[in-house]
Amino acid sequence: MKADDELYFLGDFCIGGPKVAAAYRQKIRCNKVYFVLGNHDRVIKKIVDQFVWVKEIAEINIRNQPIVLCHYAMRVWPHSRRGAWQLFGHSHGKLPVAEGSRSMDVGVDTNDFRPYSFDDIRAKLPAQSAGRDMPDLESA
């Protein structure tokens, strides 16, 4: 990763106290690190200034692709029936992948301990559709 890259970390950063977590954060080369809390991240709340933001769940948009970020996998998420992706960690590659799903485990332990790039993810997930491709269950 380069200094001008942006990294979205989806939880379970490290085991240890605030000093250990801050030391790990300093090893990350990119300046902009966004953090979605995982189930082992109480310590992150003590070093929130080390990240652009720290949230439980986030909705972002990269290259016109809406993306929902959460530590946990979801069956439905905001705009899931309109092409939004849902990226998660937590499961260590052990959840079966549904064909045609726009949800993906992006934990580094599923990618030779390297973060996925946007292009890596785009190659694996269907892109946002121009229209509604499924009934909108979110508003039901």
N, C-alpha and C. Protein backbone atom coordinates (compact mmCIF):
# COMPACT_ATOMS: atom_id res chain seq x y z
N MET A 1 0.84 -1.18 0.00
CA MET A 1 0.00 0.00 0.00
C MET A 1 0.89 1.24 0.00
N LYS A 2 0.36 2.29 -0.63
CA LYS A 2 1.08 3.54 -0.71
C LYS A 2 0.44 4.59 0.19
N ALA A 3 1.15 5.64 0.49
CA ALA A 3 0.66 6.68 1.39
C ALA A 3 -0.65 7.30 0.92
N ASP A 4 -0.85 7.42 -0.40
CA ASP A 4 -2.07 8.05 -0.90
C ASP A 4 -3.23 7.07 -1.09
N ASP A 5 -3.03 5.79 -0.78
CA ASP A 5 -4.12 4.81 -0.82
C ASP A 5 -5.05 5.04 0.36
N GLU A 6 -6.27 4.56 0.22
CA GLU A 6 -7.24 4.59 1.31
C GLU A 6 -7.55 3.16 1.69
N LEU A 7 -7.59 2.89 2.98
CA LEU A 7 -7.83 1.54 3.49
C LEU A 7 -9.07 1.55 4.37
N TYR A 8 -9.98 0.64 4.09
CA TYR A 8 -11.16 0.45 4.92
C TYR A 8 -10.94 -0.85 5.68
N PHE A 9 -10.82 -0.76 6.99
CA PHE A 9 -10.55 -1.92 7.82
C PHE A 9 -11.85 -2.35 8.47
N LEU A 10 -12.24 -3.62 8.30
CA LEU A 10 -13.54 -4.08 8.74
C LEU A 10 -13.48 -4.93 10.01
N GLY A 11 -12.68 -4.50 10.95
CA GLY A 11 -12.74 -5.05 12.29
C GLY A 11 -11.72 -6.09 12.64
N ASP A 12 -11.62 -6.30 13.97
CA ASP A 12 -10.67 -7.23 14.58
C ASP A 12 -9.24 -6.88 14.20
N PHE A 13 -8.84 -5.69 14.61
CA PHE A 13 -7.56 -5.11 14.24
C PHE A 13 -6.38 -5.83 14.88
N CYS A 14 -6.40 -6.01 16.19
CA CYS A 14 -5.27 -6.67 16.86
C CYS A 14 -5.68 -7.06 18.28
N ILE A 15 -4.86 -7.87 18.89
CA ILE A 15 -5.06 -8.22 20.29
C ILE A 15 -3.99 -7.47 21.08
N GLY A 16 -4.43 -6.75 22.09
CA GLY A 16 -3.51 -5.97 22.90
C GLY A 16 -4.15 -4.65 23.29
N GLY A 17 -3.45 -3.88 24.04
CA GLY A 17 -3.94 -2.60 24.52
C GLY A 17 -3.76 -1.48 23.50
N PRO A 18 -4.08 -0.25 23.93
CA PRO A 18 -3.99 0.90 23.02
C PRO A 18 -2.60 1.12 22.43
N LYS A 19 -1.55 0.87 23.20
CA LYS A 19 -0.19 1.07 22.67
C LYS A 19 0.12 0.06 21.57
N VAL A 20 -0.31 -1.16 21.74
CA VAL A 20 -0.10 -2.19 20.71
C VAL A 20 -0.88 -1.83 19.46
N ALA A 21 -2.15 -1.44 19.64
CA ALA A 21 -2.98 -1.06 18.49
C ALA A 21 -2.39 0.14 17.76
N ALA A 22 -1.94 1.15 18.49
CA ALA A 22 -1.35 2.34 17.87
C ALA A 22 -0.07 1.97 17.12
N ALA A 23 0.71 1.05 17.67
CA ALA A 23 1.95 0.62 16.98
C ALA A 23 1.62 -0.08 15.67
N TYR A 24 0.57 -0.93 15.68
CA TYR A 24 0.15 -1.59 14.44
C TYR A 24 -0.35 -0.56 13.43
N ARG A 25 -1.10 0.41 13.91
CA ARG A 25 -1.63 1.45 12.99
C ARG A 25 -0.48 2.20 12.33
N GLN A 26 0.57 2.48 13.07
CA GLN A 26 1.71 3.20 12.52
C GLN A 26 2.45 2.40 11.44
N LYS A 27 2.30 1.08 11.45
CA LYS A 27 2.93 0.24 10.43
C LYS A 27 2.19 0.27 9.10
N ILE A 28 0.96 0.75 9.11
CA ILE A 28 0.18 0.83 7.87
C ILE A 28 0.65 2.07 7.11
N ARG A 29 1.08 1.87 5.89
CA ARG A 29 1.68 2.95 5.11
C ARG A 29 0.69 4.02 4.67
N CYS A 30 -0.54 3.63 4.37
CA CYS A 30 -1.48 4.64 3.85
C CYS A 30 -1.94 5.57 4.97
N ASN A 31 -2.12 6.83 4.60
CA ASN A 31 -2.48 7.85 5.57
C ASN A 31 -3.95 7.80 5.96
N LYS A 32 -4.81 7.42 5.03
CA LYS A 32 -6.24 7.42 5.29
C LYS A 32 -6.72 6.00 5.57
N VAL A 33 -6.98 5.73 6.84
CA VAL A 33 -7.50 4.43 7.26
C VAL A 33 -8.85 4.68 7.93
N TYR A 34 -9.88 4.04 7.38
CA TYR A 34 -11.24 4.12 7.91
C TYR A 34 -11.50 2.82 8.66
N PHE A 35 -12.25 2.89 9.76
CA PHE A 35 -12.36 1.70 10.60
C PHE A 35 -13.81 1.38 10.92
N VAL A 36 -14.21 0.14 10.61
CA VAL A 36 -15.50 -0.40 11.02
C VAL A 36 -15.21 -1.39 12.14
N LEU A 37 -15.84 -1.15 13.28
CA LEU A 37 -15.55 -1.94 14.47
C LEU A 37 -15.96 -3.40 14.34
N GLY A 38 -15.13 -4.28 14.86
CA GLY A 38 -15.43 -5.70 14.95
C GLY A 38 -15.70 -6.09 16.39
N ASN A 39 -15.92 -7.35 16.62
CA ASN A 39 -16.25 -7.81 17.95
C ASN A 39 -15.05 -7.85 18.90
N HIS A 40 -13.85 -7.63 18.42
CA HIS A 40 -12.66 -7.61 19.27
C HIS A 40 -11.96 -6.26 19.25
N ASP A 41 -12.72 -5.17 19.12
CA ASP A 41 -12.11 -3.86 18.91
C ASP A 41 -12.41 -2.82 19.98
N ARG A 42 -12.64 -3.23 21.21
CA ARG A 42 -12.88 -2.23 22.26
C ARG A 42 -11.71 -1.25 22.38
N VAL A 43 -10.51 -1.74 22.16
CA VAL A 43 -9.32 -0.90 22.29
C VAL A 43 -9.28 0.22 21.25
N ILE A 44 -9.88 0.01 20.09
CA ILE A 44 -9.86 1.02 19.03
C ILE A 44 -10.54 2.30 19.49
N LYS A 45 -11.53 2.17 20.34
CA LYS A 45 -12.24 3.34 20.85
C LYS A 45 -11.31 4.27 21.62
N LYS A 46 -10.15 3.77 22.04
CA LYS A 46 -9.18 4.58 22.78
C LYS A 46 -8.17 5.26 21.86
N ILE A 47 -8.17 4.89 20.58
CA ILE A 47 -7.22 5.51 19.63
C ILE A 47 -7.95 5.97 18.36
N VAL A 48 -9.18 6.45 18.51
CA VAL A 48 -9.96 6.84 17.33
C VAL A 48 -9.27 7.93 16.52
N ASP A 49 -8.43 8.73 17.13
CA ASP A 49 -7.73 9.79 16.40
C ASP A 49 -6.73 9.24 15.38
N GLN A 50 -6.47 7.95 15.40
CA GLN A 50 -5.54 7.33 14.46
C GLN A 50 -6.21 6.98 13.12
N PHE A 51 -7.54 7.20 13.05
CA PHE A 51 -8.31 6.80 11.87
C PHE A 51 -9.12 7.99 11.38
N VAL A 52 -9.46 7.97 10.09
CA VAL A 52 -10.30 9.04 9.53
C VAL A 52 -11.64 9.05 10.25
N TRP A 53 -12.25 7.88 10.38
CA TRP A 53 -13.45 7.71 11.20
C TRP A 53 -13.50 6.29 11.73
N VAL A 54 -14.30 6.10 12.78
CA VAL A 54 -14.54 4.79 13.37
C VAL A 54 -16.05 4.65 13.51
N LYS A 55 -16.63 3.60 12.89
CA LYS A 55 -18.07 3.41 12.90
C LYS A 55 -18.42 1.94 13.10
N GLU A 56 -19.68 1.69 13.44
CA GLU A 56 -20.19 0.32 13.55
C GLU A 56 -20.54 -0.24 12.16
N ILE A 57 -21.06 0.62 11.30
CA ILE A 57 -21.46 0.27 9.94
C ILE A 57 -21.30 1.53 9.10
N ALA A 58 -21.00 1.38 7.83
CA ALA A 58 -20.80 2.56 6.99
C ALA A 58 -21.34 2.30 5.59
N GLU A 59 -21.86 3.36 4.99
CA GLU A 59 -22.24 3.34 3.59
C GLU A 59 -21.31 4.29 2.86
N ILE A 60 -20.62 3.76 1.86
CA ILE A 60 -19.69 4.56 1.08
C ILE A 60 -20.02 4.41 -0.40
N ASN A 61 -19.36 5.20 -1.22
CA ASN A 61 -19.54 5.12 -2.67
C ASN A 61 -18.16 5.29 -3.30
N ILE A 62 -17.72 4.30 -4.05
CA ILE A 62 -16.44 4.37 -4.73
C ILE A 62 -16.69 4.13 -6.21
N ARG A 63 -16.26 5.06 -7.03
CA ARG A 63 -16.44 4.97 -8.49
C ARG A 63 -17.89 4.66 -8.85
N ASN A 64 -18.80 5.36 -8.21
CA ASN A 64 -20.24 5.21 -8.44
C ASN A 64 -20.79 3.85 -8.02
N GLN A 65 -20.06 3.11 -7.21
CA GLN A 65 -20.54 1.83 -6.69
C GLN A 65 -20.88 2.01 -5.21
N PRO A 66 -22.17 1.92 -4.86
CA PRO A 66 -22.53 1.98 -3.44
C PRO A 66 -22.06 0.71 -2.72
N ILE A 67 -21.52 0.91 -1.52
CA ILE A 67 -20.97 -0.20 -0.75
C ILE A 67 -21.36 -0.02 0.71
N VAL A 68 -21.82 -1.10 1.33
CA VAL A 68 -22.11 -1.12 2.76
C VAL A 68 -21.01 -1.92 3.43
N LEU A 69 -20.40 -1.32 4.44
CA LEU A 69 -19.30 -1.96 5.16
C LEU A 69 -19.76 -2.32 6.57
N CYS A 70 -19.53 -3.56 6.96
CA CYS A 70 -19.87 -4.02 8.30
C CYS A 70 -18.91 -5.16 8.64
N HIS A 71 -18.63 -5.32 9.90
CA HIS A 71 -17.77 -6.45 10.30
C HIS A 71 -18.45 -7.78 9.99
N TYR A 72 -19.77 -7.79 10.08
CA TYR A 72 -20.54 -9.03 9.93
C TYR A 72 -21.20 -9.11 8.55
N ALA A 73 -21.36 -10.32 8.07
CA ALA A 73 -22.09 -10.57 6.82
C ALA A 73 -23.57 -10.30 7.05
N MET A 74 -24.23 -9.82 6.00
CA MET A 74 -25.66 -9.54 6.06
C MET A 74 -26.36 -10.28 4.92
N ARG A 75 -27.61 -10.60 5.12
CA ARG A 75 -28.41 -11.18 4.04
C ARG A 75 -29.01 -10.08 3.18
N VAL A 76 -29.41 -8.99 3.80
CA VAL A 76 -29.86 -7.80 3.08
C VAL A 76 -29.20 -6.60 3.74
N TRP A 77 -29.06 -5.51 3.00
CA TRP A 77 -28.42 -4.29 3.49
C TRP A 77 -29.00 -3.14 2.71
N PRO A 78 -28.75 -1.91 3.13
CA PRO A 78 -29.31 -0.77 2.39
C PRO A 78 -28.95 -0.85 0.90
N HIS A 79 -29.96 -0.75 0.09
CA HIS A 79 -29.84 -0.76 -1.38
C HIS A 79 -29.31 -2.08 -1.94
N SER A 80 -29.45 -3.16 -1.18
CA SER A 80 -28.95 -4.45 -1.66
C SER A 80 -29.68 -4.90 -2.92
N ARG A 81 -30.92 -4.53 -3.07
CA ARG A 81 -31.69 -4.93 -4.25
C ARG A 81 -31.50 -3.95 -5.41
N ARG A 82 -30.67 -2.96 -5.17
CA ARG A 82 -30.38 -1.98 -6.23
C ARG A 82 -28.91 -1.98 -6.61
N GLY A 83 -28.21 -3.05 -6.27
CA GLY A 83 -26.83 -3.20 -6.73
C GLY A 83 -25.74 -2.84 -5.75
N ALA A 84 -26.09 -2.42 -4.53
CA ALA A 84 -25.03 -2.10 -3.56
C ALA A 84 -24.31 -3.38 -3.13
N TRP A 85 -23.03 -3.26 -2.92
CA TRP A 85 -22.25 -4.36 -2.39
C TRP A 85 -22.27 -4.32 -0.88
N GLN A 86 -22.02 -5.46 -0.25
CA GLN A 86 -21.82 -5.51 1.20
C GLN A 86 -20.53 -6.25 1.45
N LEU A 87 -19.59 -5.56 2.07
CA LEU A 87 -18.28 -6.13 2.36
C LEU A 87 -18.16 -6.37 3.86
N PHE A 88 -17.56 -7.50 4.24
CA PHE A 88 -17.47 -7.86 5.65
C PHE A 88 -16.18 -8.62 5.91
N GLY A 89 -15.90 -8.84 7.19
CA GLY A 89 -14.77 -9.66 7.63
C GLY A 89 -15.32 -10.77 8.50
N HIS A 90 -14.88 -10.87 9.70
CA HIS A 90 -15.37 -11.73 10.78
C HIS A 90 -15.38 -13.22 10.47
N SER A 91 -15.75 -13.65 9.30
CA SER A 91 -16.03 -15.06 9.04
C SER A 91 -14.83 -15.88 8.58
N HIS A 92 -13.71 -15.23 8.30
CA HIS A 92 -12.47 -15.93 7.93
C HIS A 92 -12.64 -16.87 6.74
N GLY A 93 -13.47 -16.47 5.78
CA GLY A 93 -13.67 -17.25 4.57
C GLY A 93 -14.49 -18.51 4.75
N LYS A 94 -15.18 -18.64 5.87
CA LYS A 94 -15.90 -19.88 6.16
C LYS A 94 -17.39 -19.84 5.79
N LEU A 95 -17.90 -18.71 5.36
CA LEU A 95 -19.30 -18.65 4.92
C LEU A 95 -19.39 -19.05 3.46
N PRO A 96 -20.35 -19.89 3.11
CA PRO A 96 -20.52 -20.21 1.69
C PRO A 96 -20.96 -18.97 0.92
N VAL A 97 -20.50 -18.86 -0.31
CA VAL A 97 -20.83 -17.72 -1.15
C VAL A 97 -22.02 -18.08 -2.02
N ALA A 98 -23.07 -17.28 -1.97
CA ALA A 98 -24.24 -17.52 -2.81
C ALA A 98 -23.96 -17.01 -4.22
N GLU A 99 -24.33 -17.79 -5.20
CA GLU A 99 -24.11 -17.39 -6.59
C GLU A 99 -24.84 -16.09 -6.87
N GLY A 100 -24.15 -15.16 -7.50
CA GLY A 100 -24.73 -13.87 -7.85
C GLY A 100 -24.79 -12.89 -6.69
N SER A 101 -24.25 -13.27 -5.54
CA SER A 101 -24.28 -12.40 -4.37
C SER A 101 -23.42 -11.16 -4.59
N ARG A 102 -23.85 -10.08 -3.98
CA ARG A 102 -23.05 -8.85 -4.00
C ARG A 102 -22.43 -8.62 -2.62
N SER A 103 -22.22 -9.71 -1.90
CA SER A 103 -21.63 -9.67 -0.58
C SER A 103 -20.32 -10.46 -0.61
N MET A 104 -19.30 -9.97 0.11
CA MET A 104 -18.00 -10.62 0.02
C MET A 104 -17.23 -10.47 1.32
N ASP A 105 -16.61 -11.57 1.74
CA ASP A 105 -15.69 -11.57 2.88
C ASP A 105 -14.36 -11.01 2.37
N VAL A 106 -13.99 -9.84 2.86
CA VAL A 106 -12.76 -9.19 2.41
C VAL A 106 -11.68 -9.20 3.48
N GLY A 107 -11.81 -10.11 4.44
CA GLY A 107 -10.77 -10.24 5.45
C GLY A 107 -9.44 -10.61 4.81
N VAL A 108 -8.36 -10.08 5.35
CA VAL A 108 -7.05 -10.36 4.75
C VAL A 108 -6.70 -11.84 4.81
N ASP A 109 -7.32 -12.57 5.74
CA ASP A 109 -7.04 -13.99 5.82
C ASP A 109 -7.67 -14.78 4.67
N THR A 110 -8.43 -14.11 3.80
CA THR A 110 -8.96 -14.74 2.60
C THR A 110 -8.17 -14.33 1.35
N ASN A 111 -7.10 -13.55 1.54
CA ASN A 111 -6.36 -12.98 0.41
C ASN A 111 -4.85 -12.92 0.70
N ASP A 112 -4.28 -14.02 1.15
CA ASP A 112 -2.84 -14.09 1.44
C ASP A 112 -2.38 -12.96 2.37
N PHE A 113 -3.25 -12.57 3.29
CA PHE A 113 -2.98 -11.52 4.29
C PHE A 113 -2.62 -10.19 3.65
N ARG A 114 -3.32 -9.91 2.55
CA ARG A 114 -3.20 -8.62 1.88
C ARG A 114 -4.59 -8.03 1.71
N PRO A 115 -4.71 -6.72 1.79
CA PRO A 115 -6.03 -6.12 1.56
C PRO A 115 -6.44 -6.26 0.09
N TYR A 116 -7.74 -6.37 -0.14
CA TYR A 116 -8.27 -6.37 -1.50
C TYR A 116 -8.29 -4.94 -2.03
N SER A 117 -8.04 -4.79 -3.30
CA SER A 117 -8.23 -3.48 -3.94
C SER A 117 -9.67 -3.41 -4.45
N PHE A 118 -10.11 -2.21 -4.78
CA PHE A 118 -11.43 -2.04 -5.36
C PHE A 118 -11.55 -2.89 -6.63
N ASP A 119 -10.52 -2.88 -7.46
CA ASP A 119 -10.56 -3.65 -8.70
C ASP A 119 -10.64 -5.16 -8.45
N ASP A 120 -9.97 -5.65 -7.40
CA ASP A 120 -10.08 -7.07 -7.02
C ASP A 120 -11.53 -7.42 -6.71
N ILE A 121 -12.16 -6.56 -5.92
CA ILE A 121 -13.54 -6.81 -5.50
C ILE A 121 -14.49 -6.71 -6.69
N ARG A 122 -14.30 -5.69 -7.51
CA ARG A 122 -15.14 -5.51 -8.69
C ARG A 122 -15.07 -6.72 -9.62
N ALA A 123 -13.92 -7.34 -9.71
CA ALA A 123 -13.78 -8.53 -10.56
C ALA A 123 -14.55 -9.73 -10.01
N LYS A 124 -14.84 -9.73 -8.72
CA LYS A 124 -15.52 -10.86 -8.11
C LYS A 124 -17.02 -10.64 -7.90
N LEU A 125 -17.45 -9.40 -7.80
CA LEU A 125 -18.85 -9.10 -7.51
C LEU A 125 -19.56 -8.49 -8.70
N PRO A 126 -20.85 -8.78 -8.86
CA PRO A 126 -21.62 -8.12 -9.93
C PRO A 126 -21.68 -6.61 -9.66
N ALA A 127 -21.58 -5.84 -10.71
CA ALA A 127 -21.64 -4.38 -10.57
C ALA A 127 -23.07 -3.93 -10.28
N GLN A 128 -23.17 -2.68 -9.86
CA GLN A 128 -24.47 -2.07 -9.61
C GLN A 128 -25.29 -2.10 -10.89
N SER A 129 -26.57 -2.43 -10.78
CA SER A 129 -27.43 -2.42 -11.96
C SER A 129 -28.00 -1.02 -12.17
N ALA A 130 -28.32 -0.74 -13.40
CA ALA A 130 -28.91 0.56 -13.72
C ALA A 130 -30.29 0.69 -13.09
N GLY A 131 -31.04 -0.39 -13.06
CA GLY A 131 -32.38 -0.34 -12.47
C GLY A 131 -32.52 -1.36 -11.38
N ARG A 132 -33.72 -1.54 -10.93
CA ARG A 132 -33.98 -2.52 -9.89
C ARG A 132 -34.01 -3.91 -10.51
N ASP A 133 -33.19 -4.78 -10.00
CA ASP A 133 -33.14 -6.13 -10.56
C ASP A 133 -33.88 -7.16 -9.70
N MET A 134 -34.30 -6.75 -8.53
CA MET A 134 -35.04 -7.64 -7.65
C MET A 134 -36.07 -6.81 -6.89
N PRO A 135 -37.10 -7.42 -6.35
CA PRO A 135 -38.05 -6.66 -5.54
C PRO A 135 -37.33 -5.98 -4.39
N ASP A 136 -37.76 -4.79 -4.05
CA ASP A 136 -37.11 -4.03 -2.98
C ASP A 136 -37.70 -4.48 -1.64
N LEU A 137 -37.03 -5.44 -1.01
CA LEU A 137 -37.50 -5.96 0.26
C LEU A 137 -37.21 -5.02 1.41
N GLU A 138 -36.29 -4.05 1.20
CA GLU A 138 -35.92 -3.14 2.26
C GLU A 138 -37.06 -2.25 2.69
N SER A 139 -37.95 -1.90 1.77
CA SER A 139 -39.04 -1.00 2.12
C SER A 139 -40.34 -1.76 2.42
N ALA A 140 -40.27 -3.08 2.39
CA ALA A 140 -41.47 -3.88 2.64
C ALA A 140 -41.85 -3.87 4.10
